Amino acid sequence: MNAIWNGITLGFAAVGYLSAKKESGISYEQSLKNQATIEKIFLFNTGLDVAYIAAGFYLKERSKNTVKKPERLKGFGESVALQGGALLLFDAIMYSIHNSHGKQLYNMADKVQLATTANGIGIVVKL
């Protein structure tokens, strides 16, 4: 069961990696939009992970009151709870990393300013 869950997780990771690899040369505004989207996705996934853990504990508890293959239900419950815990840890770490990078990205906007001079328009970068 854990191998199946890990295979599914690996598939999601591969799709995410390949889609991120395609993006290059995007604008600053698109970077900000992508940043906000990825942070929301990791937060949403964190909530799903808590639901996985709860479902796993539910299945494990239900195995105590079933007659038909209780060991299988217990194993499924433990597997789902374990996978949910691992994903919760992963999503929390990824959200933290992306949130930190997002703050740096937003701070960059404060350092760049479009200004007019006697000679035309220029960009002022505060160091």
N, C-alpha and C. Protein backbone atom coordinates (compact mmCIF):
# COMPACT_ATOMS: atom_id res chain seq x y z
N MET A 1 0.83 -1.19 0.00
CA MET A 1 0.00 0.00 0.00
C MET A 1 0.88 1.26 0.00
N ASN A 2 1.92 1.24 0.82
CA ASN A 2 2.82 2.41 0.84
C ASN A 2 3.51 2.59 -0.50
N ALA A 3 3.86 1.50 -1.16
CA ALA A 3 4.49 1.60 -2.48
C ALA A 3 3.55 2.25 -3.48
N ILE A 4 2.27 1.91 -3.42
CA ILE A 4 1.30 2.51 -4.33
C ILE A 4 1.18 4.01 -4.05
N TRP A 5 1.06 4.39 -2.78
CA TRP A 5 0.97 5.81 -2.43
C TRP A 5 2.22 6.56 -2.88
N ASN A 6 3.38 5.96 -2.67
CA ASN A 6 4.62 6.62 -3.07
C ASN A 6 4.73 6.74 -4.59
N GLY A 7 4.20 5.77 -5.31
CA GLY A 7 4.17 5.87 -6.77
C GLY A 7 3.29 7.02 -7.24
N ILE A 8 2.15 7.19 -6.59
CA ILE A 8 1.26 8.31 -6.92
C ILE A 8 1.95 9.64 -6.61
N THR A 9 2.58 9.72 -5.46
CA THR A 9 3.30 10.95 -5.08
C THR A 9 4.42 11.24 -6.07
N LEU A 10 5.15 10.21 -6.48
CA LEU A 10 6.22 10.38 -7.46
C LEU A 10 5.67 10.89 -8.79
N GLY A 11 4.50 10.40 -9.18
CA GLY A 11 3.86 10.88 -10.42
C GLY A 11 3.52 12.36 -10.33
N PHE A 12 2.95 12.79 -9.19
CA PHE A 12 2.66 14.21 -9.00
C PHE A 12 3.93 15.05 -9.04
N ALA A 13 4.98 14.55 -8.41
CA ALA A 13 6.25 15.28 -8.39
C ALA A 13 6.82 15.41 -9.79
N ALA A 14 6.73 14.35 -10.59
CA ALA A 14 7.25 14.39 -11.96
C ALA A 14 6.49 15.40 -12.81
N VAL A 15 5.17 15.41 -12.67
CA VAL A 15 4.36 16.39 -13.42
C VAL A 15 4.71 17.81 -13.00
N GLY A 16 4.86 18.04 -11.70
CA GLY A 16 5.24 19.37 -11.21
C GLY A 16 6.60 19.79 -11.70
N TYR A 17 7.55 18.87 -11.69
CA TYR A 17 8.90 19.18 -12.15
C TYR A 17 8.91 19.52 -13.63
N LEU A 18 8.23 18.72 -14.44
CA LEU A 18 8.22 18.97 -15.88
C LEU A 18 7.51 20.27 -16.22
N SER A 19 6.43 20.59 -15.52
CA SER A 19 5.74 21.85 -15.81
C SER A 19 6.57 23.05 -15.37
N ALA A 20 7.31 22.92 -14.27
CA ALA A 20 8.17 24.01 -13.81
C ALA A 20 9.35 24.19 -14.75
N LYS A 21 9.82 23.10 -15.32
CA LYS A 21 10.97 23.16 -16.23
C LYS A 21 10.62 23.89 -17.53
N LYS A 22 9.33 23.81 -17.95
CA LYS A 22 8.90 24.47 -19.18
C LYS A 22 8.92 25.99 -19.07
N GLU A 23 8.66 26.52 -17.87
CA GLU A 23 8.54 27.96 -17.70
C GLU A 23 9.91 28.61 -17.65
N SER A 24 10.12 29.53 -18.58
CA SER A 24 11.35 30.32 -18.56
C SER A 24 11.05 31.66 -19.21
N GLY A 25 11.73 32.68 -18.76
CA GLY A 25 11.53 34.00 -19.33
C GLY A 25 10.18 34.62 -19.01
N ILE A 26 9.64 34.36 -17.84
CA ILE A 26 8.35 34.95 -17.49
C ILE A 26 8.55 36.33 -16.89
N SER A 27 7.54 37.15 -16.96
CA SER A 27 7.62 38.52 -16.45
C SER A 27 7.58 38.54 -14.93
N TYR A 28 7.91 39.70 -14.37
CA TYR A 28 7.89 39.87 -12.92
C TYR A 28 6.47 39.69 -12.39
N GLU A 29 5.49 40.27 -13.11
CA GLU A 29 4.11 40.14 -12.67
C GLU A 29 3.65 38.68 -12.70
N GLN A 30 4.07 37.94 -13.72
CA GLN A 30 3.71 36.52 -13.79
C GLN A 30 4.39 35.75 -12.67
N SER A 31 5.61 36.15 -12.31
CA SER A 31 6.30 35.51 -11.19
C SER A 31 5.53 35.72 -9.89
N LEU A 32 5.00 36.93 -9.70
CA LEU A 32 4.21 37.22 -8.50
C LEU A 32 2.94 36.39 -8.47
N LYS A 33 2.27 36.27 -9.61
CA LYS A 33 1.04 35.47 -9.68
C LYS A 33 1.35 34.00 -9.40
N ASN A 34 2.41 33.50 -10.03
CA ASN A 34 2.79 32.10 -9.81
C ASN A 34 3.15 31.85 -8.35
N GLN A 35 3.83 32.82 -7.75
CA GLN A 35 4.24 32.70 -6.35
C GLN A 35 3.01 32.59 -5.45
N ALA A 36 2.04 33.45 -5.65
CA ALA A 36 0.83 33.42 -4.84
C ALA A 36 0.07 32.12 -5.05
N THR A 37 0.01 31.65 -6.29
CA THR A 37 -0.70 30.41 -6.59
C THR A 37 -0.06 29.21 -5.91
N ILE A 38 1.26 29.11 -6.00
CA ILE A 38 1.94 27.94 -5.42
C ILE A 38 1.82 27.94 -3.90
N GLU A 39 1.84 29.12 -3.28
CA GLU A 39 1.66 29.18 -1.83
C GLU A 39 0.27 28.70 -1.44
N LYS A 40 -0.75 29.12 -2.20
CA LYS A 40 -2.11 28.68 -1.91
C LYS A 40 -2.26 27.17 -2.10
N ILE A 41 -1.61 26.63 -3.11
CA ILE A 41 -1.68 25.19 -3.36
C ILE A 41 -1.09 24.42 -2.19
N PHE A 42 0.07 24.86 -1.69
CA PHE A 42 0.69 24.15 -0.57
C PHE A 42 -0.15 24.27 0.70
N LEU A 43 -0.78 25.41 0.92
CA LEU A 43 -1.67 25.53 2.08
C LEU A 43 -2.89 24.62 1.96
N PHE A 44 -3.47 24.58 0.78
CA PHE A 44 -4.62 23.70 0.54
C PHE A 44 -4.22 22.24 0.74
N ASN A 45 -3.06 21.87 0.19
CA ASN A 45 -2.58 20.49 0.35
C ASN A 45 -2.34 20.14 1.80
N THR A 46 -1.92 21.10 2.60
CA THR A 46 -1.72 20.85 4.03
C THR A 46 -3.04 20.44 4.67
N GLY A 47 -4.12 21.11 4.30
CA GLY A 47 -5.44 20.74 4.81
C GLY A 47 -5.85 19.35 4.35
N LEU A 48 -5.56 19.02 3.10
CA LEU A 48 -5.86 17.67 2.61
C LEU A 48 -5.05 16.62 3.37
N ASP A 49 -3.82 16.95 3.69
CA ASP A 49 -2.96 16.01 4.42
C ASP A 49 -3.54 15.70 5.80
N VAL A 50 -4.07 16.71 6.46
CA VAL A 50 -4.72 16.49 7.76
C VAL A 50 -5.92 15.56 7.58
N ALA A 51 -6.65 15.73 6.48
CA ALA A 51 -7.79 14.85 6.19
C ALA A 51 -7.31 13.41 5.94
N TYR A 52 -6.18 13.25 5.25
CA TYR A 52 -5.61 11.91 5.03
C TYR A 52 -5.29 11.24 6.37
N ILE A 53 -4.66 11.99 7.25
CA ILE A 53 -4.29 11.44 8.55
C ILE A 53 -5.54 11.02 9.32
N ALA A 54 -6.55 11.88 9.33
CA ALA A 54 -7.80 11.56 10.03
C ALA A 54 -8.46 10.33 9.41
N ALA A 55 -8.47 10.23 8.09
CA ALA A 55 -9.07 9.08 7.43
C ALA A 55 -8.30 7.80 7.77
N GLY A 56 -6.98 7.91 7.85
CA GLY A 56 -6.18 6.76 8.22
C GLY A 56 -6.48 6.28 9.63
N PHE A 57 -6.60 7.21 10.57
CA PHE A 57 -6.95 6.83 11.94
C PHE A 57 -8.36 6.26 12.02
N TYR A 58 -9.25 6.81 11.18
CA TYR A 58 -10.62 6.28 11.15
C TYR A 58 -10.62 4.82 10.68
N LEU A 59 -9.89 4.55 9.60
CA LEU A 59 -9.82 3.18 9.09
C LEU A 59 -9.20 2.23 10.12
N LYS A 60 -8.16 2.69 10.78
CA LYS A 60 -7.51 1.86 11.81
C LYS A 60 -8.48 1.58 12.95
N GLU A 61 -9.22 2.58 13.38
CA GLU A 61 -10.18 2.40 14.46
C GLU A 61 -11.33 1.49 14.02
N ARG A 62 -11.76 1.65 12.79
CA ARG A 62 -12.85 0.83 12.26
C ARG A 62 -12.46 -0.64 12.17
N SER A 63 -11.17 -0.90 11.97
CA SER A 63 -10.71 -2.28 11.88
C SER A 63 -10.95 -3.06 13.17
N LYS A 64 -11.07 -2.36 14.27
CA LYS A 64 -11.31 -3.02 15.56
C LYS A 64 -12.72 -3.58 15.67
N ASN A 65 -13.65 -3.05 14.87
CA ASN A 65 -15.05 -3.44 14.97
C ASN A 65 -15.55 -4.19 13.73
N THR A 66 -14.65 -4.66 12.89
CA THR A 66 -15.08 -5.37 11.69
C THR A 66 -14.66 -6.83 11.78
N VAL A 67 -15.43 -7.66 11.16
CA VAL A 67 -15.16 -9.10 11.19
C VAL A 67 -14.39 -9.52 9.93
N LYS A 68 -14.71 -8.89 8.82
CA LYS A 68 -14.12 -9.27 7.54
C LYS A 68 -12.78 -8.57 7.32
N LYS A 69 -11.70 -9.31 7.39
CA LYS A 69 -10.33 -8.86 7.14
C LYS A 69 -9.96 -7.60 7.93
N PRO A 70 -10.01 -7.61 9.23
CA PRO A 70 -9.67 -6.42 10.01
C PRO A 70 -8.20 -6.01 9.86
N GLU A 71 -7.32 -7.01 9.63
CA GLU A 71 -5.89 -6.68 9.49
C GLU A 71 -5.64 -5.86 8.23
N ARG A 72 -6.41 -6.11 7.18
CA ARG A 72 -6.25 -5.34 5.95
C ARG A 72 -6.70 -3.90 6.17
N LEU A 73 -7.83 -3.71 6.82
CA LEU A 73 -8.33 -2.37 7.11
C LEU A 73 -7.37 -1.61 8.01
N LYS A 74 -6.80 -2.31 8.99
CA LYS A 74 -5.81 -1.69 9.87
C LYS A 74 -4.57 -1.27 9.07
N GLY A 75 -4.12 -2.14 8.18
CA GLY A 75 -2.95 -1.83 7.34
C GLY A 75 -3.20 -0.64 6.43
N PHE A 76 -4.40 -0.60 5.82
CA PHE A 76 -4.76 0.54 4.98
C PHE A 76 -4.77 1.83 5.81
N GLY A 77 -5.34 1.75 6.99
CA GLY A 77 -5.40 2.93 7.87
C GLY A 77 -4.02 3.44 8.24
N GLU A 78 -3.14 2.51 8.61
CA GLU A 78 -1.78 2.91 8.97
C GLU A 78 -1.05 3.50 7.77
N SER A 79 -1.26 2.91 6.61
CA SER A 79 -0.61 3.39 5.40
C SER A 79 -1.08 4.79 5.02
N VAL A 80 -2.38 5.00 5.06
CA VAL A 80 -2.94 6.32 4.70
C VAL A 80 -2.49 7.37 5.71
N ALA A 81 -2.48 7.03 7.00
CA ALA A 81 -2.04 7.98 8.03
C ALA A 81 -0.56 8.31 7.86
N LEU A 82 0.25 7.29 7.59
CA LEU A 82 1.68 7.51 7.38
C LEU A 82 1.94 8.40 6.17
N GLN A 83 1.26 8.09 5.08
CA GLN A 83 1.43 8.90 3.87
C GLN A 83 0.96 10.33 4.11
N GLY A 84 -0.15 10.50 4.81
CA GLY A 84 -0.65 11.84 5.13
C GLY A 84 0.33 12.61 5.99
N GLY A 85 0.94 11.93 6.95
CA GLY A 85 1.95 12.58 7.79
C GLY A 85 3.16 13.03 7.00
N ALA A 86 3.64 12.15 6.11
CA ALA A 86 4.80 12.51 5.27
C ALA A 86 4.47 13.67 4.36
N LEU A 87 3.27 13.64 3.77
CA LEU A 87 2.87 14.74 2.88
C LEU A 87 2.65 16.03 3.66
N LEU A 88 2.14 15.92 4.88
CA LEU A 88 1.96 17.11 5.71
C LEU A 88 3.31 17.77 5.99
N LEU A 89 4.28 16.97 6.34
CA LEU A 89 5.63 17.49 6.58
C LEU A 89 6.19 18.14 5.32
N PHE A 90 6.07 17.45 4.19
CA PHE A 90 6.57 17.97 2.92
C PHE A 90 5.89 19.29 2.55
N ASP A 91 4.55 19.31 2.60
CA ASP A 91 3.82 20.52 2.20
C ASP A 91 4.10 21.69 3.14
N ALA A 92 4.25 21.42 4.43
CA ALA A 92 4.55 22.49 5.39
C ALA A 92 5.93 23.07 5.12
N ILE A 93 6.91 22.22 4.84
CA ILE A 93 8.26 22.70 4.53
C ILE A 93 8.26 23.48 3.23
N MET A 94 7.59 22.96 2.21
CA MET A 94 7.55 23.65 0.92
C MET A 94 6.83 24.99 1.03
N TYR A 95 5.75 25.05 1.79
CA TYR A 95 5.06 26.32 1.98
C TYR A 95 5.99 27.32 2.66
N SER A 96 6.69 26.88 3.67
CA SER A 96 7.60 27.75 4.39
C SER A 96 8.70 28.30 3.47
N ILE A 97 9.27 27.43 2.66
CA ILE A 97 10.32 27.85 1.72
C ILE A 97 9.75 28.84 0.70
N HIS A 98 8.62 28.50 0.10
CA HIS A 98 8.03 29.38 -0.92
C HIS A 98 7.57 30.71 -0.32
N ASN A 99 7.05 30.68 0.89
CA ASN A 99 6.64 31.91 1.55
C ASN A 99 7.83 32.82 1.79
N SER A 100 8.95 32.24 2.19
CA SER A 100 10.17 33.02 2.41
C SER A 100 10.66 33.64 1.10
N HIS A 101 10.65 32.84 0.03
CA HIS A 101 11.07 33.35 -1.27
C HIS A 101 10.10 34.40 -1.78
N GLY A 102 8.81 34.21 -1.48
CA GLY A 102 7.81 35.19 -1.90
C GLY A 102 8.04 36.54 -1.26
N LYS A 103 8.41 36.55 0.01
CA LYS A 103 8.69 37.81 0.68
C LYS A 103 9.87 38.52 0.02
N GLN A 104 10.88 37.76 -0.37
CA GLN A 104 12.03 38.35 -1.07
C GLN A 104 11.60 38.90 -2.42
N LEU A 105 10.73 38.18 -3.11
CA LEU A 105 10.25 38.61 -4.42
C LEU A 105 9.44 39.90 -4.29
N TYR A 106 8.57 39.98 -3.28
CA TYR A 106 7.77 41.19 -3.08
C TYR A 106 8.65 42.37 -2.65
N ASN A 107 9.70 42.11 -1.88
CA ASN A 107 10.61 43.18 -1.46
C ASN A 107 11.40 43.74 -2.63
N MET A 108 11.61 42.93 -3.66
CA MET A 108 12.31 43.43 -4.85
C MET A 108 11.53 44.57 -5.50
N ALA A 109 10.22 44.50 -5.46
CA ALA A 109 9.39 45.54 -6.07
C ALA A 109 9.59 46.88 -5.38
N ASP A 110 9.87 46.86 -4.08
CA ASP A 110 10.10 48.11 -3.35
C ASP A 110 11.41 48.77 -3.73
N LYS A 111 12.34 48.00 -4.27
CA LYS A 111 13.66 48.53 -4.60
C LYS A 111 13.76 49.05 -6.03
N VAL A 112 12.76 48.74 -6.85
CA VAL A 112 12.78 49.17 -8.25
C VAL A 112 11.68 50.21 -8.45
N GLN A 113 12.07 51.30 -9.11
CA GLN A 113 11.12 52.39 -9.30
C GLN A 113 11.30 52.97 -10.69
N LEU A 114 10.20 53.26 -11.35
CA LEU A 114 10.21 53.91 -12.64
C LEU A 114 10.16 55.41 -12.40
N ALA A 115 11.10 56.16 -13.00
CA ALA A 115 11.17 57.60 -12.75
C ALA A 115 11.37 58.36 -14.07
N THR A 116 10.93 59.61 -14.06
CA THR A 116 11.17 60.48 -15.21
C THR A 116 12.27 61.47 -14.87
N THR A 117 13.08 61.77 -15.86
CA THR A 117 14.16 62.75 -15.70
C THR A 117 14.06 63.74 -16.84
N ALA A 118 14.96 64.69 -16.85
CA ALA A 118 14.98 65.67 -17.94
C ALA A 118 15.31 65.01 -19.27
N ASN A 119 16.00 63.89 -19.23
CA ASN A 119 16.41 63.19 -20.46
C ASN A 119 15.43 62.11 -20.91
N GLY A 120 14.43 61.80 -20.08
CA GLY A 120 13.47 60.76 -20.46
C GLY A 120 13.03 59.95 -19.25
N ILE A 121 12.74 58.70 -19.51
CA ILE A 121 12.27 57.79 -18.46
C ILE A 121 13.41 56.85 -18.09
N GLY A 122 13.51 56.56 -16.81
CA GLY A 122 14.55 55.65 -16.35
C GLY A 122 14.07 54.76 -15.24
N ILE A 123 14.88 53.79 -14.92
CA ILE A 123 14.58 52.87 -13.81
C ILE A 123 15.58 53.13 -12.72
N VAL A 124 15.08 53.34 -11.52
CA VAL A 124 15.92 53.57 -10.34
C VAL A 124 15.89 52.28 -9.52
N VAL A 125 17.09 51.77 -9.22
CA VAL A 125 17.20 50.57 -8.39
C VAL A 125 17.89 50.98 -7.09
N LYS A 126 17.19 50.81 -5.98
CA LYS A 126 17.75 51.12 -4.68
C LYS A 126 18.56 49.95 -4.19
N LEU A 127 19.81 50.19 -3.87
CA LEU A 127 20.66 49.11 -3.38
C LEU A 127 20.66 49.12 -1.92
